[in-house]
Amino acid sequence: MAKEWYILHIFSGYEKRVERAIRLLMESGEIPAGVISEIKIPEEELTEVKDGKKRVVRRKFLPGYILIEMDLPAVNWKGVCAPIRRIHGVTGFLGVVGDARPQAISADEAKSVLQKSGEIKGERARSVQMFTPGQQVKIIEGPFDTFTGTVEEVMADRNKLRVMVAIFGRTTPVEVDMLQVELI
């Protein structure tokens, strides 16, 4: 068997507790060595701007779920899954009805979740602040520092804004990062 990613559904807010409990089961030998290779809580890095200061925070983007990379044996899979299901706060594996064998998620789904959480290169920290066209903003960083303007276009996928700024009496479009501006 090859290692595959499985999603465990749990009570929201119990992510760290369940992760610790699984690691204890692995250390105590209730789950055979080498079956579980990684446990991930899907979190993403967000950049917040408060009082003019930037700070990076981690937030769960899939609360109530944990990703587990396992090499689930074909013969004794219940011996691995049963102790995990008995952990307080665990409701079961995603997509499993009753006592059926858990189904792994596709490689593409696993890749997209791991990219969003920063485990795999691909996405970078995004801004918490959301902008809409027509809002007035002040540029606080970069070559256009202290200029004010109107948001013309929001490019959320790239974390960029196109802002119309008055330079020498003419409005000029300027592309800036979302972290370089603040709402007025």
C-alpha atoms as a PDB file:
ATOM      1  CA  MET A   1       0.000   0.000   0.000  1.00  0.00           C
ATOM      2  CA  ALA A   2       1.085   3.550  -0.649  1.00  0.00           C
ATOM      3  CA  LYS A   3       0.694   6.434   1.740  1.00  0.00           C
ATOM      4  CA  GLU A   4      -2.498   8.392   1.175  1.00  0.00           C
ATOM      5  CA  TRP A   5      -4.231  11.321   2.855  1.00  0.00           C
ATOM      6  CA  TYR A   6      -7.416  10.731   4.845  1.00  0.00           C
ATOM      7  CA  ILE A   7      -9.658  13.349   6.426  1.00  0.00           C
ATOM      8  CA  LEU A   8     -10.824  12.891   9.999  1.00  0.00           C
ATOM      9  CA  HIS A   9     -13.966  14.757  11.061  1.00  0.00           C
ATOM     10  CA  ILE A  10     -13.902  16.032  14.643  1.00  0.00           C
ATOM     11  CA  PHE A  11     -15.631  18.514  16.916  1.00  0.00           C
ATOM     12  CA  SER A  12     -14.621  22.054  16.021  1.00  0.00           C
ATOM     13  CA  GLY A  13     -12.042  23.342  18.494  1.00  0.00           C
ATOM     14  CA  TYR A  14     -10.731  19.840  19.323  1.00  0.00           C
ATOM     15  CA  GLU A  15      -8.108  19.768  16.567  1.00  0.00           C
ATOM     16  CA  LYS A  16      -5.013  20.036  18.785  1.00  0.00           C
ATOM     17  CA  ARG A  17      -6.427  17.627  21.411  1.00  0.00           C
ATOM     18  CA  VAL A  18      -7.187  14.973  18.818  1.00  0.00           C
ATOM     19  CA  GLU A  19      -3.765  15.408  17.206  1.00  0.00           C
ATOM     20  CA  ARG A  20      -2.097  14.909  20.613  1.00  0.00           C
ATOM     21  CA  ALA A  21      -4.270  11.859  21.328  1.00  0.00           C
ATOM     22  CA  ILE A  22      -3.325  10.241  18.000  1.00  0.00           C
ATOM     23  CA  ARG A  23       0.366  10.881  18.681  1.00  0.00           C
ATOM     24  CA  LEU A  24      -0.037   9.255  22.133  1.00  0.00           C
ATOM     25  CA  LEU A  25      -1.668   6.211  20.504  1.00  0.00           C
ATOM     26  CA  MET A  26       1.300   5.969  18.145  1.00  0.00           C
ATOM     27  CA  GLU A  27       3.812   6.233  21.020  1.00  0.00           C
ATOM     28  CA  SER A  28       1.987   3.672  23.161  1.00  0.00           C
ATOM     29  CA  GLY A  29       1.871   1.156  20.293  1.00  0.00           C
ATOM     30  CA  GLU A  30      -1.928   0.983  19.932  1.00  0.00           C
ATOM     31  CA  ILE A  31      -1.427   2.129  16.347  1.00  0.00           C
ATOM     32  CA  PRO A  32       1.348   0.130  14.653  1.00  0.00           C
ATOM     33  CA  ALA A  33       4.557   2.007  13.861  1.00  0.00           C
ATOM     34  CA  GLY A  34       4.863   3.312  10.329  1.00  0.00           C
ATOM     35  CA  VAL A  35       1.128   3.388   9.579  1.00  0.00           C
ATOM     36  CA  ILE A  36       0.630   7.102  10.262  1.00  0.00           C
ATOM     37  CA  SER A  37       3.370   9.309   8.885  1.00  0.00           C
ATOM     38  CA  GLU A  38       1.891  12.824   9.232  1.00  0.00           C
ATOM     39  CA  ILE A  39      -0.963  14.624  10.964  1.00  0.00           C
ATOM     40  CA  LYS A  40      -1.873  18.109   9.734  1.00  0.00           C
ATOM     41  CA  ILE A  41      -4.366  20.649  11.018  1.00  0.00           C
ATOM     42  CA  PRO A  42      -5.353  22.733   7.953  1.00  0.00           C
ATOM     43  CA  GLU A  43      -4.259  26.278   8.875  1.00  0.00           C
ATOM     44  CA  GLU A  44      -3.294  29.215   6.698  1.00  0.00           C
ATOM     45  CA  GLU A  45      -1.166  32.262   7.343  1.00  0.00           C
ATOM     46  CA  LEU A  46      -2.998  35.562   7.167  1.00  0.00           C
ATOM     47  CA  THR A  47      -1.488  39.005   7.436  1.00  0.00           C
ATOM     48  CA  GLU A  48      -3.481  41.392   9.611  1.00  0.00           C
ATOM     49  CA  VAL A  49      -2.952  45.123   9.789  1.00  0.00           C
ATOM     50  CA  LYS A  50      -3.963  46.588  13.151  1.00  0.00           C
ATOM     51  CA  ASP A  51      -3.094  50.088  14.271  1.00  0.00           C
ATOM     52  CA  GLY A  52      -0.724  50.426  11.321  1.00  0.00           C
ATOM     53  CA  LYS A  53       1.277  47.322  12.293  1.00  0.00           C
ATOM     54  CA  LYS A  54       1.401  44.122  10.286  1.00  0.00           C
ATOM     55  CA  ARG A  55       1.350  40.757  11.955  1.00  0.00           C
ATOM     56  CA  VAL A  56       1.071  37.239  10.607  1.00  0.00           C
ATOM     57  CA  VAL A  57      -1.514  34.986  12.258  1.00  0.00           C
ATOM     58  CA  ARG A  58      -2.437  31.342  11.676  1.00  0.00           C
ATOM     59  CA  ARG A  59      -6.123  30.503  11.300  1.00  0.00           C
ATOM     60  CA  LYS A  60      -7.858  27.216  10.630  1.00  0.00           C
ATOM     61  CA  PHE A  61      -9.479  27.264   7.204  1.00  0.00           C
ATOM     62  CA  LEU A  62     -11.149  23.864   7.679  1.00  0.00           C
ATOM     63  CA  PRO A  63     -12.253  23.880  11.332  1.00  0.00           C
ATOM     64  CA  GLY A  64     -13.413  20.472  12.474  1.00  0.00           C
ATOM     65  CA  TYR A  65     -11.095  18.496  10.180  1.00  0.00           C
ATOM     66  CA  ILE A  66      -7.624  16.955  10.421  1.00  0.00           C
ATOM     67  CA  LEU A  67      -5.582  15.465   7.575  1.00  0.00           C
ATOM     68  CA  ILE A  68      -3.806  12.192   8.316  1.00  0.00           C
ATOM     69  CA  GLU A  69      -1.278  10.609   5.963  1.00  0.00           C
ATOM     70  CA  MET A  70      -1.500   6.865   6.452  1.00  0.00           C
ATOM     71  CA  ASP A  71      -0.373   3.637   4.884  1.00  0.00           C
ATOM     72  CA  LEU A  72      -3.639   1.910   5.790  1.00  0.00           C
ATOM     73  CA  PRO A  73      -3.214  -1.883   5.673  1.00  0.00           C
ATOM     74  CA  ALA A  74      -5.729  -3.797   3.537  1.00  0.00           C
ATOM     75  CA  VAL A  75      -6.115  -6.642   6.021  1.00  0.00           C
ATOM     76  CA  ASN A  76      -6.166  -5.135   9.528  1.00  0.00           C
ATOM     77  CA  TRP A  77      -7.419  -1.619   8.773  1.00  0.00           C
ATOM     78  CA  LYS A  78      -9.950  -1.778  11.642  1.00  0.00           C
ATOM     79  CA  GLY A  79      -7.094  -2.226  14.114  1.00  0.00           C
ATOM     80  CA  VAL A  80      -5.769   1.175  13.032  1.00  0.00           C
ATOM     81  CA  CYS A  81      -9.067   3.038  12.644  1.00  0.00           C
ATOM     82  CA  ALA A  82     -10.873   1.804  15.772  1.00  0.00           C
ATOM     83  CA  PRO A  83      -8.557   3.491  18.325  1.00  0.00           C
ATOM     84  CA  ILE A  84      -8.721   6.743  16.343  1.00  0.00           C
ATOM     85  CA  ARG A  85     -12.528   6.648  16.220  1.00  0.00           C
ATOM     86  CA  ARG A  86     -12.686   6.117  20.008  1.00  0.00           C
ATOM     87  CA  ILE A  87     -10.863   9.393  20.748  1.00  0.00           C
ATOM     88  CA  HIS A  88     -13.154  11.914  22.441  1.00  0.00           C
ATOM     89  CA  GLY A  89     -14.195  14.516  19.877  1.00  0.00           C
ATOM     90  CA  VAL A  90     -13.793  12.320  16.786  1.00  0.00           C
ATOM     91  CA  THR A  91     -16.953  11.734  14.744  1.00  0.00           C
ATOM     92  CA  GLY A  92     -15.304   9.558  12.078  1.00  0.00           C
ATOM     93  CA  PHE A  93     -13.524   9.594   8.771  1.00  0.00           C
ATOM     94  CA  LEU A  94     -14.931  11.822   6.061  1.00  0.00           C
ATOM     95  CA  GLY A  95     -17.192  10.029   3.613  1.00  0.00           C
ATOM     96  CA  VAL A  96     -17.500   6.822   5.658  1.00  0.00           C
ATOM     97  CA  VAL A  97     -20.892   5.439   6.597  1.00  0.00           C
ATOM     98  CA  GLY A  98     -21.008   3.040   9.529  1.00  0.00           C
ATOM     99  CA  ASP A  99     -18.123   0.626   9.855  1.00  0.00           C
ATOM    100  CA  ALA A 100     -16.802   0.883   6.273  1.00  0.00           C
ATOM    101  CA  ARG A 101     -13.144   1.290   5.332  1.00  0.00           C
ATOM    102  CA  PRO A 102     -12.066   4.972   5.083  1.00  0.00           C
ATOM    103  CA  GLN A 103     -11.571   6.386   1.601  1.00  0.00           C
ATOM    104  CA  ALA A 104      -8.510   8.485   0.840  1.00  0.00           C
ATOM    105  CA  ILE A 105      -8.846  11.864  -0.822  1.00  0.00           C
ATOM    106  CA  SER A 106      -7.353  12.395  -4.264  1.00  0.00           C
ATOM    107  CA  ALA A 107      -3.795  13.611  -4.692  1.00  0.00           C
ATOM    108  CA  ASP A 108      -5.059  16.881  -6.211  1.00  0.00           C
ATOM    109  CA  GLU A 109      -7.322  17.579  -3.225  1.00  0.00           C
ATOM    110  CA  ALA A 110      -4.483  16.863  -0.795  1.00  0.00           C
ATOM    111  CA  LYS A 111      -2.122  19.071  -2.798  1.00  0.00           C
ATOM    112  CA  SER A 112      -4.536  22.022  -2.819  1.00  0.00           C
ATOM    113  CA  VAL A 113      -5.127  21.818   0.953  1.00  0.00           C
ATOM    114  CA  LEU A 114      -1.407  21.493   1.688  1.00  0.00           C
ATOM    115  CA  GLN A 115      -0.612  24.424  -0.629  1.00  0.00           C
ATOM    116  CA  LYS A 116      -3.166  26.619   1.084  1.00  0.00           C
ATOM    117  CA  SER A 117      -1.734  25.706   4.484  1.00  0.00           C
ATOM    118  CA  GLY A 118       1.803  26.520   3.299  1.00  0.00           C
ATOM    119  CA  GLU A 119       3.145  22.961   3.591  1.00  0.00           C
ATOM    120  CA  ILE A 120       3.835  22.931  -0.151  1.00  0.00           C
ATOM    121  CA  LYS A 121       5.103  25.954  -2.053  1.00  0.00           C
ATOM    122  CA  GLY A 122       2.397  27.634  -4.062  1.00  0.00           C
ATOM    123  CA  GLU A 123       0.321  30.117  -2.107  1.00  0.00           C
ATOM    124  CA  ARG A 124       1.658  32.825   0.136  1.00  0.00           C
ATOM    125  CA  ALA A 125       0.111  34.548   3.110  1.00  0.00           C
ATOM    126  CA  ARG A 126      -2.946  36.535   2.142  1.00  0.00           C
ATOM    127  CA  SER A 127      -4.389  39.678   3.647  1.00  0.00           C
ATOM    128  CA  VAL A 128      -7.312  39.579   6.059  1.00  0.00           C
ATOM    129  CA  GLN A 129      -8.507  42.989   4.912  1.00  0.00           C
ATOM    130  CA  MET A 130     -10.927  42.838   1.978  1.00  0.00           C
ATOM    131  CA  PHE A 131     -11.297  45.660  -0.503  1.00  0.00           C
ATOM    132  CA  THR A 132     -13.994  46.531  -3.028  1.00  0.00           C
ATOM    133  CA  PRO A 133     -13.828  48.848  -6.031  1.00  0.00           C
ATOM    134  CA  GLY A 134     -14.696  52.439  -5.153  1.00  0.00           C
ATOM    135  CA  GLN A 135     -13.196  52.443  -1.653  1.00  0.00           C
ATOM    136  CA  GLN A 136     -10.834  55.230  -0.638  1.00  0.00           C
ATOM    137  CA  VAL A 137      -7.402  53.994   0.493  1.00  0.00           C
ATOM    138  CA  LYS A 138      -4.112  55.456   1.636  1.00  0.00           C
ATOM    139  CA  ILE A 139      -0.861  53.906   0.445  1.00  0.00           C
ATOM    140  CA  ILE A 140       1.352  53.337   3.494  1.00  0.00           C
ATOM    141  CA  GLU A 141       4.380  51.642   1.926  1.00  0.00           C
ATOM    142  CA  GLY A 142       6.437  51.716  -1.234  1.00  0.00           C
ATOM    143  CA  PRO A 143       7.255  54.442  -3.756  1.00  0.00           C
ATOM    144  CA  PHE A 144       3.757  55.965  -3.550  1.00  0.00           C
ATOM    145  CA  ASP A 145       3.831  56.245   0.264  1.00  0.00           C
ATOM    146  CA  THR A 146       1.322  58.842   1.635  1.00  0.00           C
ATOM    147  CA  PHE A 147      -0.679  59.003  -1.628  1.00  0.00           C
ATOM    148  CA  THR A 148      -4.431  58.445  -1.431  1.00  0.00           C
ATOM    149  CA  GLY A 149      -6.648  57.056  -4.139  1.00  0.00           C
ATOM    150  CA  THR A 150      -9.664  55.014  -5.133  1.00  0.00           C
ATOM    151  CA  VAL A 151      -9.616  51.247  -5.598  1.00  0.00           C
ATOM    152  CA  GLU A 152     -10.360  50.498  -9.249  1.00  0.00           C
ATOM    153  CA  GLU A 153      -9.739  46.732  -9.356  1.00  0.00           C
ATOM    154  CA  VAL A 154      -9.189  43.984  -6.767  1.00  0.00           C
ATOM    155  CA  MET A 155      -6.980  41.048  -7.768  1.00  0.00           C
ATOM    156  CA  ALA A 156      -7.508  38.804  -4.736  1.00  0.00           C
ATOM    157  CA  ASP A 157      -5.748  35.808  -6.301  1.00  0.00           C
ATOM    158  CA  ARG A 158      -2.540  37.855  -6.545  1.00  0.00           C
ATOM    159  CA  ASN A 159      -3.068  39.942  -3.350  1.00  0.00           C
ATOM    160  CA  LYS A 160      -2.924  43.117  -5.485  1.00  0.00           C
ATOM    161  CA  LEU A 161      -5.030  46.239  -6.008  1.00  0.00           C
ATOM    162  CA  ARG A 162      -5.192  48.720  -8.867  1.00  0.00           C
ATOM    163  CA  VAL A 163      -5.579  52.139  -7.258  1.00  0.00           C
ATOM    164  CA  MET A 164      -6.251  55.391  -9.117  1.00  0.00           C
ATOM    165  CA  VAL A 165      -3.854  57.968  -7.635  1.00  0.00           C
ATOM    166  CA  ALA A 166      -3.590  61.683  -8.490  1.00  0.00           C
ATOM    167  CA  ILE A 167      -0.012  62.426  -9.560  1.00  0.00           C
ATOM    168  CA  PHE A 168       0.731  65.971 -10.817  1.00  0.00           C
ATOM    169  CA  GLY A 169      -2.985  66.603 -11.214  1.00  0.00           C
ATOM    170  CA  ARG A 170      -3.649  63.523 -13.357  1.00  0.00           C
ATOM    171  CA  THR A 171      -5.184  60.266 -12.174  1.00  0.00           C
ATOM    172  CA  THR A 172      -2.846  57.372 -12.778  1.00  0.00           C
ATOM    173  CA  PRO A 173      -3.456  53.650 -12.141  1.00  0.00           C
ATOM    174  CA  VAL A 174      -0.971  52.176  -9.668  1.00  0.00           C
ATOM    175  CA  GLU A 175      -0.710  48.475  -8.835  1.00  0.00           C
ATOM    176  CA  VAL A 176       0.067  47.874  -5.144  1.00  0.00           C
ATOM    177  CA  ASP A 177       0.069  44.954  -2.771  1.00  0.00           C
ATOM    178  CA  MET A 178      -2.925  44.729  -0.398  1.00  0.00           C
ATOM    179  CA  LEU A 179      -0.525  45.004   2.529  1.00  0.00           C
ATOM    180  CA  GLN A 180       0.729  48.371   1.279  1.00  0.00           C
ATOM    181  CA  VAL A 181      -2.626  50.136   1.716  1.00  0.00           C
ATOM    182  CA  GLU A 182      -5.146  50.872   4.437  1.00  0.00           C
ATOM    183  CA  LEU A 183      -8.736  52.065   4.305  1.00  0.00           C
ATOM    184  CA  ILE A 184      -9.344  55.738   4.996  1.00  0.00           C
END
